[in-house]
């Protein structure tokens, strides 16, 4: 496949430039038109070559980079960078999920119950969109207490396993004083 792609690209490029060299004695107008055509043929050949080369290679939509030189290793299960490559057709921004049940009631006052429901809601949203947790690029987590950090991390580990999207965690107040957590997410596929 690669040799066919390179051959097609080179043939287009060489063909365009051969026409250009044959037209050296032509009138200015014809020569300018030929130059444009030759350059276009060359570019088209190279573009065809690159397209054919990339068509046979399956790329992951999201590349997770956990180690950055000169930067401390992640202090928990997350990636420093989640790179979405150009094969992603859609990017999904998932609004903050909270510990509210489908009837609107808060599931409980513990971080564990609320965090589990947040992650369950994110998973349900992903499924509805035809995605999985593997398609998560980044999460942003809002906790109301630093004391809940370890319980939150346990809930995240149960929900995500080895999947480590880029992550930001903020300790803050939330709109409802009984809420312990809110999680928003970005996914791509």
N, C-alpha and C. Protein backbone atom coordinates (compact mmCIF):
# COMPACT_ATOMS: atom_id res chain seq x y z
N UNK A 1 0.83 -1.19 0.00
CA UNK A 1 0.00 0.00 0.00
C UNK A 1 0.87 1.25 0.00
N UNK A 2 1.94 1.23 0.80
CA UNK A 2 2.79 2.41 0.87
C UNK A 2 3.49 2.67 -0.46
N UNK A 3 3.94 1.62 -1.14
CA UNK A 3 4.63 1.84 -2.41
C UNK A 3 3.67 2.36 -3.47
N UNK A 4 2.41 1.88 -3.47
CA UNK A 4 1.41 2.40 -4.40
C UNK A 4 1.16 3.88 -4.12
N UNK A 5 1.03 4.23 -2.85
CA UNK A 5 0.76 5.61 -2.48
C UNK A 5 1.93 6.52 -2.88
N UNK A 6 3.13 6.07 -2.58
CA UNK A 6 4.29 6.88 -2.95
C UNK A 6 4.41 7.00 -4.46
N UNK A 7 4.13 5.89 -5.18
CA UNK A 7 4.19 5.92 -6.64
C UNK A 7 3.19 6.91 -7.22
N UNK A 8 1.96 6.89 -6.70
CA UNK A 8 0.92 7.82 -7.18
C UNK A 8 1.33 9.26 -6.91
N UNK A 9 1.86 9.50 -5.75
CA UNK A 9 2.27 10.86 -5.40
C UNK A 9 3.41 11.35 -6.27
N UNK A 10 4.41 10.51 -6.44
CA UNK A 10 5.56 10.89 -7.26
C UNK A 10 5.17 11.06 -8.72
N UNK A 11 4.29 10.19 -9.22
CA UNK A 11 3.86 10.31 -10.62
C UNK A 11 3.16 11.64 -10.85
N UNK A 12 2.29 12.04 -9.94
CA UNK A 12 1.59 13.33 -10.08
C UNK A 12 2.57 14.49 -10.03
N UNK A 13 3.48 14.42 -9.09
CA UNK A 13 4.45 15.50 -8.95
C UNK A 13 5.37 15.58 -10.17
N UNK A 14 5.91 14.43 -10.61
CA UNK A 14 6.82 14.41 -11.76
C UNK A 14 6.09 14.85 -13.02
N UNK A 15 4.86 14.35 -13.23
CA UNK A 15 4.08 14.73 -14.40
C UNK A 15 3.87 16.23 -14.47
N UNK A 16 3.54 16.83 -13.37
CA UNK A 16 3.33 18.28 -13.34
C UNK A 16 4.59 19.03 -13.69
N UNK A 17 5.72 18.59 -13.19
CA UNK A 17 6.96 19.32 -13.44
C UNK A 17 7.54 19.04 -14.82
N UNK A 18 7.23 17.87 -15.41
CA UNK A 18 7.64 17.59 -16.80
C UNK A 18 6.91 18.55 -17.74
N UNK A 19 5.60 18.72 -17.53
CA UNK A 19 4.83 19.66 -18.35
C UNK A 19 5.42 21.05 -18.22
N UNK A 20 5.79 21.43 -17.02
CA UNK A 20 6.37 22.76 -16.78
C UNK A 20 7.66 22.94 -17.59
N UNK A 21 8.52 21.94 -17.60
CA UNK A 21 9.79 22.09 -18.33
C UNK A 21 9.58 22.11 -19.84
N UNK A 22 8.57 21.41 -20.36
CA UNK A 22 8.28 21.42 -21.78
C UNK A 22 7.74 22.78 -22.26
N UNK A 23 7.15 23.53 -21.36
CA UNK A 23 6.50 24.78 -21.73
C UNK A 23 7.42 25.99 -21.57
N UNK A 24 8.67 25.82 -21.38
CA UNK A 24 9.57 26.94 -21.13
C UNK A 24 9.56 27.97 -22.25
N UNK A 25 9.35 27.56 -23.49
CA UNK A 25 9.39 28.51 -24.60
C UNK A 25 8.03 29.09 -24.92
N UNK A 26 6.96 28.75 -24.19
CA UNK A 26 5.61 29.23 -24.50
C UNK A 26 5.45 30.69 -24.13
N UNK A 27 4.40 31.31 -24.68
CA UNK A 27 4.09 32.71 -24.36
C UNK A 27 3.82 32.84 -22.87
N UNK A 28 3.99 34.09 -22.34
CA UNK A 28 3.84 34.32 -20.90
C UNK A 28 2.53 33.81 -20.33
N UNK A 29 1.39 34.10 -20.99
CA UNK A 29 0.08 33.68 -20.48
C UNK A 29 -0.04 32.18 -20.40
N UNK A 30 0.38 31.51 -21.46
CA UNK A 30 0.31 30.04 -21.49
C UNK A 30 1.28 29.45 -20.48
N UNK A 31 2.45 30.10 -20.35
CA UNK A 31 3.44 29.59 -19.41
C UNK A 31 2.92 29.72 -17.98
N UNK A 32 2.28 30.87 -17.65
CA UNK A 32 1.74 31.05 -16.30
C UNK A 32 0.65 30.03 -15.99
N UNK A 33 -0.23 29.79 -16.97
CA UNK A 33 -1.30 28.80 -16.78
C UNK A 33 -0.70 27.42 -16.59
N UNK A 34 0.34 27.12 -17.35
CA UNK A 34 0.97 25.81 -17.25
C UNK A 34 1.68 25.66 -15.90
N UNK A 35 2.30 26.73 -15.44
CA UNK A 35 2.97 26.68 -14.13
C UNK A 35 1.94 26.36 -13.05
N UNK A 36 0.81 27.07 -13.07
CA UNK A 36 -0.23 26.83 -12.08
C UNK A 36 -0.71 25.38 -12.17
N UNK A 37 -0.95 24.89 -13.39
CA UNK A 37 -1.40 23.51 -13.58
C UNK A 37 -0.37 22.50 -13.11
N UNK A 38 0.89 22.78 -13.40
CA UNK A 38 1.95 21.86 -13.02
C UNK A 38 2.09 21.79 -11.50
N UNK A 39 2.05 22.96 -10.87
CA UNK A 39 2.15 22.99 -9.40
C UNK A 39 0.95 22.29 -8.78
N UNK A 40 -0.25 22.55 -9.34
CA UNK A 40 -1.45 21.89 -8.83
C UNK A 40 -1.35 20.38 -8.98
N UNK A 41 -0.83 19.92 -10.13
CA UNK A 41 -0.66 18.48 -10.35
C UNK A 41 0.33 17.89 -9.35
N UNK A 42 1.40 18.61 -9.11
CA UNK A 42 2.39 18.15 -8.14
C UNK A 42 1.82 18.07 -6.74
N UNK A 43 1.10 19.12 -6.33
CA UNK A 43 0.49 19.14 -4.99
C UNK A 43 -0.55 18.03 -4.89
N UNK A 44 -1.36 17.87 -5.93
CA UNK A 44 -2.37 16.82 -5.92
C UNK A 44 -1.74 15.43 -5.78
N UNK A 45 -0.65 15.22 -6.48
CA UNK A 45 0.05 13.93 -6.38
C UNK A 45 0.57 13.67 -4.98
N UNK A 46 1.15 14.69 -4.38
CA UNK A 46 1.69 14.55 -3.02
C UNK A 46 0.55 14.33 -2.03
N UNK A 47 -0.55 15.09 -2.18
CA UNK A 47 -1.70 14.94 -1.29
C UNK A 47 -2.29 13.54 -1.41
N UNK A 48 -2.39 13.03 -2.64
CA UNK A 48 -2.90 11.67 -2.85
C UNK A 48 -1.99 10.67 -2.15
N UNK A 49 -0.71 10.88 -2.26
CA UNK A 49 0.26 10.00 -1.62
C UNK A 49 0.04 9.97 -0.11
N UNK A 50 -0.09 11.14 0.50
CA UNK A 50 -0.27 11.22 1.95
C UNK A 50 -1.59 10.61 2.37
N UNK A 51 -2.66 10.86 1.61
CA UNK A 51 -3.96 10.31 1.92
C UNK A 51 -3.94 8.79 1.87
N UNK A 52 -3.35 8.23 0.83
CA UNK A 52 -3.28 6.78 0.71
C UNK A 52 -2.42 6.17 1.81
N UNK A 53 -1.36 6.85 2.19
CA UNK A 53 -0.51 6.34 3.27
C UNK A 53 -1.26 6.31 4.59
N UNK A 54 -2.02 7.39 4.88
CA UNK A 54 -2.71 7.45 6.17
C UNK A 54 -3.95 6.57 6.20
N UNK A 55 -4.52 6.24 5.03
CA UNK A 55 -5.74 5.43 4.98
C UNK A 55 -5.52 4.05 5.56
N UNK A 56 -4.35 3.49 5.40
CA UNK A 56 -4.09 2.14 5.87
C UNK A 56 -3.66 2.08 7.32
N UNK A 57 -3.52 3.21 7.99
CA UNK A 57 -3.05 3.22 9.36
C UNK A 57 -4.19 3.61 10.30
N UNK A 58 -4.50 2.74 11.27
CA UNK A 58 -5.53 3.06 12.24
C UNK A 58 -4.87 3.79 13.40
N UNK A 59 -5.36 4.98 13.67
CA UNK A 59 -4.84 5.77 14.79
C UNK A 59 -5.87 5.80 15.91
N UNK A 60 -5.38 5.82 17.12
CA UNK A 60 -6.26 6.04 18.24
C UNK A 60 -6.73 7.48 18.19
N UNK A 61 -7.99 7.72 18.51
CA UNK A 61 -8.53 9.08 18.50
C UNK A 61 -7.90 9.89 19.62
N UNK A 62 -7.69 9.24 20.77
CA UNK A 62 -7.14 9.95 21.93
C UNK A 62 -5.83 9.29 22.33
N UNK A 63 -4.79 10.10 22.38
CA UNK A 63 -3.49 9.63 22.86
C UNK A 63 -3.28 10.24 24.24
N UNK A 64 -3.11 9.38 25.24
CA UNK A 64 -2.92 9.86 26.61
C UNK A 64 -1.42 9.91 26.92
N UNK A 65 -0.96 11.07 27.35
CA UNK A 65 0.46 11.26 27.67
C UNK A 65 0.55 11.50 29.17
N UNK A 66 1.15 10.53 29.86
CA UNK A 66 1.18 10.57 31.32
C UNK A 66 2.46 11.17 31.87
N UNK A 67 3.51 11.15 31.06
CA UNK A 67 4.81 11.61 31.54
C UNK A 67 5.31 12.76 30.66
N UNK A 68 5.60 13.87 31.28
CA UNK A 68 6.14 15.03 30.59
C UNK A 68 7.49 15.36 31.23
N UNK A 69 8.52 15.45 30.40
CA UNK A 69 9.86 15.73 30.91
C UNK A 69 9.88 17.07 31.64
N UNK A 70 10.43 17.07 32.85
CA UNK A 70 10.53 18.29 33.63
C UNK A 70 9.29 18.63 34.44
N UNK A 71 8.26 17.75 34.37
CA UNK A 71 7.01 17.97 35.11
C UNK A 71 6.79 16.78 36.03
N UNK A 72 6.36 17.05 37.25
CA UNK A 72 6.11 15.98 38.22
C UNK A 72 5.14 14.96 37.61
N UNK A 73 5.38 13.68 37.89
CA UNK A 73 4.47 12.64 37.42
C UNK A 73 3.10 12.87 38.04
N UNK A 74 2.04 12.44 37.36
CA UNK A 74 0.70 12.62 37.93
C UNK A 74 0.62 12.09 39.36
N UNK A 75 0.01 12.87 40.22
CA UNK A 75 -0.08 12.51 41.63
C UNK A 75 -1.22 11.53 41.90
N UNK A 76 -2.05 11.31 40.90
CA UNK A 76 -3.16 10.35 41.00
C UNK A 76 -3.31 9.71 39.62
N UNK A 77 -4.45 9.07 39.38
CA UNK A 77 -4.67 8.39 38.10
C UNK A 77 -5.25 9.36 37.08
N UNK A 78 -4.40 10.07 36.38
CA UNK A 78 -4.80 10.95 35.29
C UNK A 78 -3.62 11.12 34.36
N UNK A 79 -3.89 11.68 33.20
CA UNK A 79 -2.84 11.95 32.22
C UNK A 79 -2.58 13.44 32.18
N UNK A 80 -1.32 13.82 31.99
CA UNK A 80 -1.01 15.24 31.85
C UNK A 80 -1.65 15.82 30.59
N UNK A 81 -1.67 15.03 29.53
CA UNK A 81 -2.19 15.50 28.25
C UNK A 81 -3.07 14.40 27.64
N UNK A 82 -4.18 14.80 27.06
CA UNK A 82 -4.99 13.91 26.25
C UNK A 82 -5.08 14.57 24.88
N UNK A 83 -4.36 14.01 23.92
CA UNK A 83 -4.29 14.58 22.57
C UNK A 83 -5.36 13.94 21.71
N UNK A 84 -6.24 14.77 21.14
CA UNK A 84 -7.26 14.28 20.23
C UNK A 84 -6.72 14.45 18.82
N UNK A 85 -6.50 13.32 18.11
CA UNK A 85 -5.92 13.45 16.78
C UNK A 85 -6.99 13.84 15.76
N UNK A 86 -6.58 14.14 14.57
CA UNK A 86 -7.49 14.69 13.56
C UNK A 86 -8.45 13.68 12.98
N UNK A 87 -8.43 12.43 13.45
CA UNK A 87 -9.42 11.47 12.96
C UNK A 87 -10.71 11.54 13.78
N UNK A 88 -10.71 12.33 14.87
CA UNK A 88 -11.93 12.49 15.66
C UNK A 88 -12.96 13.26 14.84
N UNK A 89 -14.13 12.71 14.74
CA UNK A 89 -15.19 13.37 13.97
C UNK A 89 -16.04 14.28 14.84
N UNK A 90 -16.11 13.97 16.15
CA UNK A 90 -16.94 14.75 17.06
C UNK A 90 -16.25 14.91 18.41
N UNK A 91 -16.48 16.06 19.01
CA UNK A 91 -16.05 16.32 20.38
C UNK A 91 -17.31 16.60 21.18
N UNK A 92 -17.45 15.94 22.32
CA UNK A 92 -18.64 16.04 23.15
C UNK A 92 -18.27 16.72 24.47
N UNK A 93 -19.02 17.77 24.82
CA UNK A 93 -18.84 18.47 26.09
C UNK A 93 -20.01 18.08 26.99
N UNK A 94 -19.73 17.33 28.03
CA UNK A 94 -20.77 16.81 28.91
C UNK A 94 -20.87 17.72 30.12
N UNK A 95 -22.06 18.28 30.31
CA UNK A 95 -22.29 19.20 31.43
C UNK A 95 -22.03 18.51 32.77
N UNK A 96 -21.82 19.34 33.77
CA UNK A 96 -21.55 18.83 35.11
C UNK A 96 -22.63 17.88 35.59
N UNK A 97 -22.20 16.68 35.99
CA UNK A 97 -23.11 15.68 36.54
C UNK A 97 -23.02 15.73 38.05
N UNK A 98 -24.15 15.61 38.70
CA UNK A 98 -24.21 15.74 40.15
C UNK A 98 -24.79 14.46 40.77
N UNK A 99 -24.94 14.49 42.07
CA UNK A 99 -25.48 13.35 42.80
C UNK A 99 -26.99 13.36 42.86
N UNK A 100 -27.64 13.92 41.85
CA UNK A 100 -29.10 13.95 41.82
C UNK A 100 -29.64 12.76 41.04
N UNK A 101 -30.61 12.07 41.67
CA UNK A 101 -31.27 10.94 41.01
C UNK A 101 -32.17 11.46 39.91
N UNK A 102 -32.73 10.55 39.11
CA UNK A 102 -33.56 10.92 37.98
C UNK A 102 -34.80 11.73 38.40
N UNK A 103 -35.26 11.53 39.65
CA UNK A 103 -36.42 12.29 40.14
C UNK A 103 -36.02 13.67 40.69
N UNK A 104 -34.72 13.98 40.64
CA UNK A 104 -34.25 15.29 41.09
C UNK A 104 -33.79 15.33 42.53
N UNK A 105 -33.99 14.23 43.26
CA UNK A 105 -33.57 14.22 44.67
C UNK A 105 -32.08 13.88 44.76
N UNK A 106 -31.45 14.41 45.80
CA UNK A 106 -30.04 14.10 46.05
C UNK A 106 -29.97 12.68 46.61
N UNK A 107 -29.05 11.85 46.10
CA UNK A 107 -29.01 10.43 46.48
C UNK A 107 -28.61 10.21 47.93
N UNK A 108 -27.99 11.14 48.53
CA UNK A 108 -27.54 11.00 49.91
C UNK A 108 -26.61 12.15 50.21
N UNK A 109 -26.12 12.18 51.45
CA UNK A 109 -25.22 13.28 51.79
C UNK A 109 -23.76 12.87 51.82
N UNK A 110 -23.47 11.62 51.39
CA UNK A 110 -22.07 11.18 51.41
C UNK A 110 -21.43 11.39 50.04
N UNK A 111 -20.15 11.66 50.06
CA UNK A 111 -19.39 11.83 48.83
C UNK A 111 -19.39 10.54 48.03
N UNK A 112 -19.35 9.39 48.69
CA UNK A 112 -19.30 8.12 47.97
C UNK A 112 -20.55 7.91 47.12
N UNK A 113 -21.73 8.12 47.72
CA UNK A 113 -22.98 7.94 46.98
C UNK A 113 -23.07 8.93 45.81
N UNK A 114 -22.75 10.18 46.10
CA UNK A 114 -22.86 11.21 45.06
C UNK A 114 -21.83 11.01 43.95
N UNK A 115 -20.61 10.66 44.31
CA UNK A 115 -19.56 10.44 43.29
C UNK A 115 -19.92 9.25 42.40
N UNK A 116 -20.40 8.16 43.02
CA UNK A 116 -20.78 6.99 42.22
C UNK A 116 -21.88 7.35 41.23
N UNK A 117 -22.86 8.17 41.65
CA UNK A 117 -23.93 8.56 40.74
C UNK A 117 -23.41 9.50 39.64
N UNK A 118 -22.51 10.40 39.98
CA UNK A 118 -21.90 11.27 38.96
C UNK A 118 -21.25 10.43 37.86
N UNK A 119 -20.44 9.46 38.27
CA UNK A 119 -19.76 8.61 37.28
C UNK A 119 -20.75 7.74 36.52
N UNK A 120 -21.79 7.26 37.21
CA UNK A 120 -22.82 6.48 36.54
C UNK A 120 -23.53 7.32 35.49
N UNK A 121 -23.81 8.58 35.82
CA UNK A 121 -24.47 9.49 34.86
C UNK A 121 -23.56 9.77 33.66
N UNK A 122 -22.28 9.93 33.91
CA UNK A 122 -21.34 10.16 32.80
C UNK A 122 -21.31 8.94 31.89
N UNK A 123 -21.24 7.75 32.48
CA UNK A 123 -21.25 6.52 31.68
C UNK A 123 -22.54 6.39 30.88
N UNK A 124 -23.68 6.68 31.50
CA UNK A 124 -24.97 6.60 30.80
C UNK A 124 -25.01 7.59 29.64
N UNK A 125 -24.47 8.78 29.86
CA UNK A 125 -24.43 9.80 28.80
C UNK A 125 -23.55 9.32 27.65
N UNK A 126 -22.40 8.78 27.98
CA UNK A 126 -21.50 8.27 26.95
C UNK A 126 -22.17 7.16 26.13
N UNK A 127 -22.83 6.24 26.82
CA UNK A 127 -23.53 5.14 26.12
C UNK A 127 -24.59 5.70 25.18
N UNK A 128 -25.36 6.68 25.67
CA UNK A 128 -26.41 7.29 24.84
C UNK A 128 -25.81 7.91 23.58
N UNK A 129 -24.57 8.39 23.67
CA UNK A 129 -23.89 9.01 22.54
C UNK A 129 -23.13 8.00 21.68
N UNK A 130 -23.17 6.73 22.07
CA UNK A 130 -22.43 5.71 21.32
C UNK A 130 -20.95 5.68 21.69
N UNK A 131 -20.62 6.12 22.90
CA UNK A 131 -19.24 6.21 23.34
C UNK A 131 -19.02 5.32 24.56
N UNK A 132 -17.76 5.21 24.98
CA UNK A 132 -17.40 4.48 26.20
C UNK A 132 -16.46 5.38 27.01
N UNK A 133 -16.08 4.91 28.18
CA UNK A 133 -15.14 5.69 28.98
C UNK A 133 -13.78 5.82 28.29
N UNK A 134 -13.48 4.91 27.36
CA UNK A 134 -12.23 5.03 26.60
C UNK A 134 -12.20 6.29 25.75
N UNK A 135 -13.37 6.88 25.47
CA UNK A 135 -13.45 8.07 24.64
C UNK A 135 -13.35 9.37 25.45
N UNK A 136 -13.20 9.25 26.78
CA UNK A 136 -13.06 10.46 27.60
C UNK A 136 -11.71 11.12 27.35
N UNK A 137 -11.74 12.41 27.15
CA UNK A 137 -10.52 13.19 26.96
C UNK A 137 -10.12 13.84 28.27
N UNK A 138 -11.09 14.46 28.95
CA UNK A 138 -10.80 15.23 30.16
C UNK A 138 -12.01 15.26 31.06
N UNK A 139 -11.76 15.27 32.36
CA UNK A 139 -12.82 15.53 33.33
C UNK A 139 -12.39 16.70 34.21
N UNK A 140 -13.38 17.45 34.65
CA UNK A 140 -13.15 18.50 35.64
C UNK A 140 -14.05 18.17 36.82
N UNK A 141 -13.45 18.06 37.99
CA UNK A 141 -14.16 17.63 39.19
C UNK A 141 -14.18 18.78 40.18
N UNK A 142 -15.37 19.04 40.72
CA UNK A 142 -15.55 20.05 41.75
C UNK A 142 -15.96 19.35 43.03
N UNK A 143 -15.11 19.42 44.05
CA UNK A 143 -15.41 18.86 45.37
C UNK A 143 -15.65 20.01 46.34
N UNK A 144 -16.46 19.75 47.35
CA UNK A 144 -16.72 20.81 48.35
C UNK A 144 -15.80 20.69 49.56
N UNK A 145 -15.10 19.56 49.69
CA UNK A 145 -14.22 19.38 50.85
C UNK A 145 -12.97 18.60 50.47
N UNK A 146 -11.85 19.09 50.91
CA UNK A 146 -10.58 18.40 50.71
C UNK A 146 -10.60 17.03 51.40
N UNK A 147 -11.37 16.92 52.47
CA UNK A 147 -11.46 15.66 53.21
C UNK A 147 -12.06 14.53 52.36
N UNK A 148 -12.76 14.89 51.29
CA UNK A 148 -13.42 13.89 50.44
C UNK A 148 -12.52 13.37 49.31
N UNK A 149 -11.30 13.85 49.24
CA UNK A 149 -10.41 13.52 48.13
C UNK A 149 -10.18 12.02 47.99
N UNK A 150 -9.86 11.34 49.05
CA UNK A 150 -9.56 9.91 48.97
C UNK A 150 -10.80 9.11 48.58
N UNK A 151 -11.95 9.46 49.11
CA UNK A 151 -13.19 8.75 48.75
C UNK A 151 -13.53 9.00 47.29
N UNK A 152 -13.34 10.24 46.82
CA UNK A 152 -13.56 10.56 45.40
C UNK A 152 -12.65 9.71 44.52
N UNK A 153 -11.37 9.63 44.88
CA UNK A 153 -10.42 8.86 44.07
C UNK A 153 -10.80 7.38 43.99
N UNK A 154 -11.30 6.84 45.08
CA UNK A 154 -11.76 5.45 45.07
C UNK A 154 -12.94 5.28 44.12
N UNK A 155 -13.87 6.23 44.13
CA UNK A 155 -15.03 6.17 43.23
C UNK A 155 -14.57 6.29 41.78
N UNK A 156 -13.62 7.18 41.52
CA UNK A 156 -13.08 7.34 40.16
C UNK A 156 -12.41 6.05 39.70
N UNK A 157 -11.64 5.43 40.58
CA UNK A 157 -10.96 4.18 40.22
C UNK A 157 -11.96 3.07 39.92
N UNK A 158 -13.04 3.00 40.69
CA UNK A 158 -14.08 1.99 40.42
C UNK A 158 -14.73 2.25 39.06
N UNK A 159 -14.96 3.51 38.75
CA UNK A 159 -15.65 3.87 37.51
C UNK A 159 -14.76 3.73 36.28
N UNK A 160 -13.50 4.14 36.39
CA UNK A 160 -12.62 4.24 35.22
C UNK A 160 -11.62 3.11 35.09
N UNK A 161 -11.32 2.40 36.16
CA UNK A 161 -10.30 1.36 36.08
C UNK A 161 -8.97 1.97 35.65
N UNK A 162 -8.42 1.46 34.55
CA UNK A 162 -7.12 1.94 34.07
C UNK A 162 -7.21 3.13 33.12
N UNK A 163 -8.41 3.60 32.82
CA UNK A 163 -8.57 4.76 31.93
C UNK A 163 -8.21 6.01 32.72
N UNK A 164 -7.29 6.80 32.17
CA UNK A 164 -6.79 7.98 32.89
C UNK A 164 -6.89 9.22 32.01
N UNK A 165 -8.10 9.81 31.92
CA UNK A 165 -8.23 11.03 31.13
C UNK A 165 -7.49 12.19 31.82
N UNK A 166 -7.20 13.22 31.05
CA UNK A 166 -6.66 14.43 31.68
C UNK A 166 -7.69 14.88 32.71
N UNK A 167 -7.23 15.50 33.79
CA UNK A 167 -8.15 15.79 34.88
C UNK A 167 -7.75 17.05 35.63
N UNK A 168 -8.76 17.81 36.02
CA UNK A 168 -8.57 18.95 36.91
C UNK A 168 -9.52 18.78 38.08
N UNK A 169 -9.03 19.02 39.29
CA UNK A 169 -9.84 18.90 40.49
C UNK A 169 -9.82 20.24 41.21
N UNK A 170 -11.00 20.73 41.56
CA UNK A 170 -11.13 22.03 42.22
C UNK A 170 -11.94 21.85 43.50
N UNK A 171 -11.46 22.43 44.59
CA UNK A 171 -12.21 22.45 45.84
C UNK A 171 -12.94 23.79 45.89
N UNK A 172 -14.28 23.74 46.00
CA UNK A 172 -15.08 24.95 45.92
C UNK A 172 -16.46 24.71 46.52
N UNK A 173 -17.26 25.74 46.59
CA UNK A 173 -18.67 25.58 46.95
C UNK A 173 -19.45 25.26 45.69
N UNK A 174 -20.54 24.52 45.86
CA UNK A 174 -21.42 24.23 44.74
C UNK A 174 -22.76 24.93 44.96
N UNK A 175 -23.58 24.96 43.92
CA UNK A 175 -24.83 25.72 43.96
C UNK A 175 -25.78 25.24 45.06
N UNK A 176 -25.79 23.95 45.32
CA UNK A 176 -26.61 23.37 46.39
C UNK A 176 -25.67 23.00 47.54
N UNK A 177 -25.87 23.55 48.73
CA UNK A 177 -24.93 23.28 49.84
C UNK A 177 -24.88 21.81 50.26
N UNK A 178 -25.88 20.99 49.85
CA UNK A 178 -25.86 19.57 50.19
C UNK A 178 -25.10 18.73 49.16
N UNK A 179 -24.73 19.34 48.05
CA UNK A 179 -23.95 18.62 47.04
C UNK A 179 -22.50 18.54 47.48
N UNK A 180 -21.90 17.36 47.29
CA UNK A 180 -20.49 17.15 47.64
C UNK A 180 -19.59 17.23 46.42
N UNK A 181 -20.16 16.99 45.22
CA UNK A 181 -19.34 16.82 44.03
C UNK A 181 -20.13 17.15 42.77
N UNK A 182 -19.40 17.61 41.77
CA UNK A 182 -19.95 17.77 40.41
C UNK A 182 -18.81 17.45 39.45
N UNK A 183 -19.13 16.71 38.37
CA UNK A 183 -18.09 16.31 37.41
C UNK A 183 -18.57 16.61 36.00
N UNK A 184 -17.77 17.37 35.26
CA UNK A 184 -18.05 17.59 33.83
C UNK A 184 -17.00 16.83 33.03
N UNK A 185 -17.32 16.56 31.78
CA UNK A 185 -16.41 15.72 30.99
C UNK A 185 -16.37 16.17 29.53
N UNK A 186 -15.28 15.84 28.87
CA UNK A 186 -15.13 16.03 27.43
C UNK A 186 -14.75 14.69 26.85
N UNK A 187 -15.43 14.32 25.76
CA UNK A 187 -15.13 13.05 25.09
C UNK A 187 -14.97 13.33 23.60
N UNK A 188 -14.30 12.44 22.89
CA UNK A 188 -14.10 12.60 21.44
C UNK A 188 -14.14 11.24 20.79
N UNK A 189 -14.69 11.23 19.56
CA UNK A 189 -14.67 9.99 18.76
C UNK A 189 -14.85 10.36 17.30
